[in-house]
Amino acid sequence: MVNFALLKELGLDDQAATQEVQSKFENVKDGEISGLLEKSGNSFTNGSMMKGKIVNIRGDDVVLEIGLKSEGVLSLMREFDDPNSVEVGDEITVLLEQVESENGLVLISKRKADR
């Protein structure tokens, strides 16, 4: 996905950004990036189960780090049987419902993973 706001902020057009990325990865061998993705331990495909770590709790939102610098947000009251037992640092399993929603977010569900 192209972040046009970021390209504008950096003063790059799509072609210049593509050339910059290609120049950074010209010495990367085939399969190296795939290997890094596999080492993350999570499969980023819709419908996959993944482990994540709770990194923040803000009001009713539980922020979960799921790997590769991706975060998902869960509702404390809807997704957890005992909201008072949820703590930063807890590791939980979630279902990846959608890799990227209309808002650019990763959609996850703990309840569906628990089924």
C-alpha atoms as a PDB file:
ATOM      1  CA  MET A   1       0.000   0.000   0.000  1.00  0.00           C
ATOM      2  CA  VAL A   2       1.301   3.427  -0.884  1.00  0.00           C
ATOM      3  CA  ASN A   3       1.164   6.129   1.783  1.00  0.00           C
ATOM      4  CA  PHE A   4       0.732   9.183  -0.425  1.00  0.00           C
ATOM      5  CA  ALA A   5       0.763  11.560   2.552  1.00  0.00           C
ATOM      6  CA  LEU A   6       4.208  10.271   3.532  1.00  0.00           C
ATOM      7  CA  LEU A   7       5.490  10.558  -0.038  1.00  0.00           C
ATOM      8  CA  LYS A   8       4.271  14.154  -0.178  1.00  0.00           C
ATOM      9  CA  GLU A   9       5.885  14.902   3.197  1.00  0.00           C
ATOM     10  CA  LEU A  10       9.191  13.475   1.941  1.00  0.00           C
ATOM     11  CA  GLY A  11       8.896  15.351  -1.340  1.00  0.00           C
ATOM     12  CA  LEU A  12       8.873  12.159  -3.424  1.00  0.00           C
ATOM     13  CA  ASP A  13       6.602  10.988  -6.191  1.00  0.00           C
ATOM     14  CA  ASP A  14       5.644   7.321  -6.565  1.00  0.00           C
ATOM     15  CA  GLN A  15       8.377   6.614  -9.114  1.00  0.00           C
ATOM     16  CA  ALA A  16      11.113   8.239  -7.006  1.00  0.00           C
ATOM     17  CA  ALA A  17       9.990   6.266  -3.949  1.00  0.00           C
ATOM     18  CA  THR A  18      10.023   3.017  -5.931  1.00  0.00           C
ATOM     19  CA  GLN A  19      13.556   3.725  -7.171  1.00  0.00           C
ATOM     20  CA  GLU A  20      14.705   4.519  -3.621  1.00  0.00           C
ATOM     21  CA  VAL A  21      13.307   1.252  -2.254  1.00  0.00           C
ATOM     22  CA  GLN A  22      14.803  -0.753  -5.121  1.00  0.00           C
ATOM     23  CA  SER A  23      18.226   0.792  -4.511  1.00  0.00           C
ATOM     24  CA  LYS A  24      18.089  -0.172  -0.820  1.00  0.00           C
ATOM     25  CA  PHE A  25      17.180  -3.781  -1.606  1.00  0.00           C
ATOM     26  CA  GLU A  26      19.374  -4.380  -4.664  1.00  0.00           C
ATOM     27  CA  ASN A  27      21.843  -6.497  -2.636  1.00  0.00           C
ATOM     28  CA  VAL A  28      19.177  -8.511  -0.830  1.00  0.00           C
ATOM     29  CA  LYS A  29      19.076 -12.105  -2.029  1.00  0.00           C
ATOM     30  CA  ASP A  30      15.851 -13.793  -3.048  1.00  0.00           C
ATOM     31  CA  GLY A  31      14.143 -15.346  -0.065  1.00  0.00           C
ATOM     32  CA  GLU A  32      15.878 -13.237   2.606  1.00  0.00           C
ATOM     33  CA  ILE A  33      12.862 -11.019   3.187  1.00  0.00           C
ATOM     34  CA  SER A  34      10.549 -14.039   3.216  1.00  0.00           C
ATOM     35  CA  GLY A  35      12.830 -15.606   5.811  1.00  0.00           C
ATOM     36  CA  LEU A  36      12.533 -12.552   8.026  1.00  0.00           C
ATOM     37  CA  LEU A  37       8.758 -12.655   7.729  1.00  0.00           C
ATOM     38  CA  GLU A  38       8.708 -16.335   8.678  1.00  0.00           C
ATOM     39  CA  LYS A  39      10.903 -15.661  11.732  1.00  0.00           C
ATOM     40  CA  SER A  40       8.272 -13.280  13.075  1.00  0.00           C
ATOM     41  CA  GLY A  41       6.213 -16.369  13.933  1.00  0.00           C
ATOM     42  CA  ASN A  42       2.975 -14.873  12.668  1.00  0.00           C
ATOM     43  CA  SER A  43       1.296 -15.407   9.330  1.00  0.00           C
ATOM     44  CA  PHE A  44      -0.259 -12.193   8.077  1.00  0.00           C
ATOM     45  CA  THR A  45      -3.137 -13.727   6.130  1.00  0.00           C
ATOM     46  CA  ASN A  46      -6.820 -13.219   6.806  1.00  0.00           C
ATOM     47  CA  GLY A  47      -8.217 -15.974   9.013  1.00  0.00           C
ATOM     48  CA  SER A  48      -4.894 -16.945  10.594  1.00  0.00           C
ATOM     49  CA  MET A  49      -4.316 -17.324  14.320  1.00  0.00           C
ATOM     50  CA  MET A  50      -1.488 -15.289  15.789  1.00  0.00           C
ATOM     51  CA  LYS A  51       0.101 -14.528  19.118  1.00  0.00           C
ATOM     52  CA  GLY A  52       0.460 -10.986  20.327  1.00  0.00           C
ATOM     53  CA  LYS A  53       1.624  -9.053  23.357  1.00  0.00           C
ATOM     54  CA  ILE A  54      -0.456  -6.411  25.108  1.00  0.00           C
ATOM     55  CA  VAL A  55       1.581  -3.201  24.977  1.00  0.00           C
ATOM     56  CA  ASN A  56      -0.944  -0.654  26.239  1.00  0.00           C
ATOM     57  CA  ILE A  57      -4.404  -0.293  27.748  1.00  0.00           C
ATOM     58  CA  ARG A  58      -6.168   3.010  27.072  1.00  0.00           C
ATOM     59  CA  GLY A  59      -9.679   3.234  28.465  1.00  0.00           C
ATOM     60  CA  ASP A  60     -11.607   0.414  26.767  1.00  0.00           C
ATOM     61  CA  ASP A  61      -8.894  -0.158  24.137  1.00  0.00           C
ATOM     62  CA  VAL A  62      -6.285  -2.888  24.467  1.00  0.00           C
ATOM     63  CA  VAL A  63      -3.341  -2.342  22.092  1.00  0.00           C
ATOM     64  CA  LEU A  64      -1.713  -5.571  20.947  1.00  0.00           C
ATOM     65  CA  GLU A  65       1.687  -5.864  19.197  1.00  0.00           C
ATOM     66  CA  ILE A  66       1.358  -8.687  16.674  1.00  0.00           C
ATOM     67  CA  GLY A  67       4.725  -8.488  14.942  1.00  0.00           C
ATOM     68  CA  LEU A  68       6.432  -6.668  12.095  1.00  0.00           C
ATOM     69  CA  LYS A  69       5.609  -3.352  13.756  1.00  0.00           C
ATOM     70  CA  SER A  70       1.890  -4.037  13.440  1.00  0.00           C
ATOM     71  CA  GLU A  71      -0.593  -3.332  16.187  1.00  0.00           C
ATOM     72  CA  GLY A  72      -4.209  -4.265  16.612  1.00  0.00           C
ATOM     73  CA  VAL A  73      -6.778  -2.850  19.001  1.00  0.00           C
ATOM     74  CA  LEU A  74      -9.266  -4.915  20.991  1.00  0.00           C
ATOM     75  CA  SER A  75     -12.216  -3.768  23.068  1.00  0.00           C
ATOM     76  CA  LEU A  76     -11.493  -4.558  26.712  1.00  0.00           C
ATOM     77  CA  MET A  77     -15.168  -5.080  27.581  1.00  0.00           C
ATOM     78  CA  ARG A  78     -16.225  -7.039  24.474  1.00  0.00           C
ATOM     79  CA  GLU A  79     -13.197  -9.260  23.895  1.00  0.00           C
ATOM     80  CA  PHE A  80     -12.194 -10.339  27.417  1.00  0.00           C
ATOM     81  CA  ASP A  81     -14.231 -12.416  29.885  1.00  0.00           C
ATOM     82  CA  ASP A  82     -12.524 -10.768  32.871  1.00  0.00           C
ATOM     83  CA  PRO A  83     -11.430  -7.230  31.903  1.00  0.00           C
ATOM     84  CA  ASN A  84      -9.863  -6.689  35.341  1.00  0.00           C
ATOM     85  CA  SER A  85      -7.346  -9.497  34.767  1.00  0.00           C
ATOM     86  CA  VAL A  86      -5.892  -7.993  31.564  1.00  0.00           C
ATOM     87  CA  GLU A  87      -2.397  -6.532  32.013  1.00  0.00           C
ATOM     88  CA  VAL A  88       0.293  -4.965  29.851  1.00  0.00           C
ATOM     89  CA  GLY A  89       2.791  -7.690  28.962  1.00  0.00           C
ATOM     90  CA  ASP A  90       0.202 -10.483  28.708  1.00  0.00           C
ATOM     91  CA  GLU A  91       0.510 -12.678  25.616  1.00  0.00           C
ATOM     92  CA  ILE A  92      -2.726 -13.737  23.950  1.00  0.00           C
ATOM     93  CA  THR A  93      -3.857 -15.494  20.784  1.00  0.00           C
ATOM     94  CA  VAL A  94      -6.084 -13.628  18.336  1.00  0.00           C
ATOM     95  CA  LEU A  95      -7.688 -14.281  14.976  1.00  0.00           C
ATOM     96  CA  LEU A  96      -6.534 -11.995  12.177  1.00  0.00           C
ATOM     97  CA  GLU A  97      -9.792 -10.965  10.538  1.00  0.00           C
ATOM     98  CA  GLN A  98      -8.417  -8.444   8.064  1.00  0.00           C
ATOM     99  CA  VAL A  99      -4.825  -7.442   7.328  1.00  0.00           C
ATOM    100  CA  GLU A 100      -5.800  -3.888   6.493  1.00  0.00           C
ATOM    101  CA  SER A 101      -9.222  -2.341   6.954  1.00  0.00           C
ATOM    102  CA  GLU A 102     -10.593   0.755   5.232  1.00  0.00           C
ATOM    103  CA  ASN A 103      -8.987   2.790   8.041  1.00  0.00           C
ATOM    104  CA  GLY A 104      -5.587   1.157   7.528  1.00  0.00           C
ATOM    105  CA  LEU A 105      -5.903  -0.882  10.731  1.00  0.00           C
ATOM    106  CA  VAL A 106      -5.291  -4.554  11.404  1.00  0.00           C
ATOM    107  CA  LEU A 107      -8.597  -6.130  12.506  1.00  0.00           C
ATOM    108  CA  ILE A 108      -8.231  -8.852  15.140  1.00  0.00           C
ATOM    109  CA  SER A 109     -10.543 -10.774  17.480  1.00  0.00           C
ATOM    110  CA  LYS A 110      -9.725 -12.588  20.705  1.00  0.00           C
ATOM    111  CA  ARG A 111     -13.252 -13.966  21.131  1.00  0.00           C
ATOM    112  CA  LYS A 112     -13.191 -15.649  17.725  1.00  0.00           C
ATOM    113  CA  ALA A 113      -9.731 -17.079  18.446  1.00  0.00           C
ATOM    114  CA  ASP A 114     -11.023 -18.555  21.718  1.00  0.00           C
ATOM    115  CA  ARG A 115     -13.795 -20.526  19.959  1.00  0.00           C
END
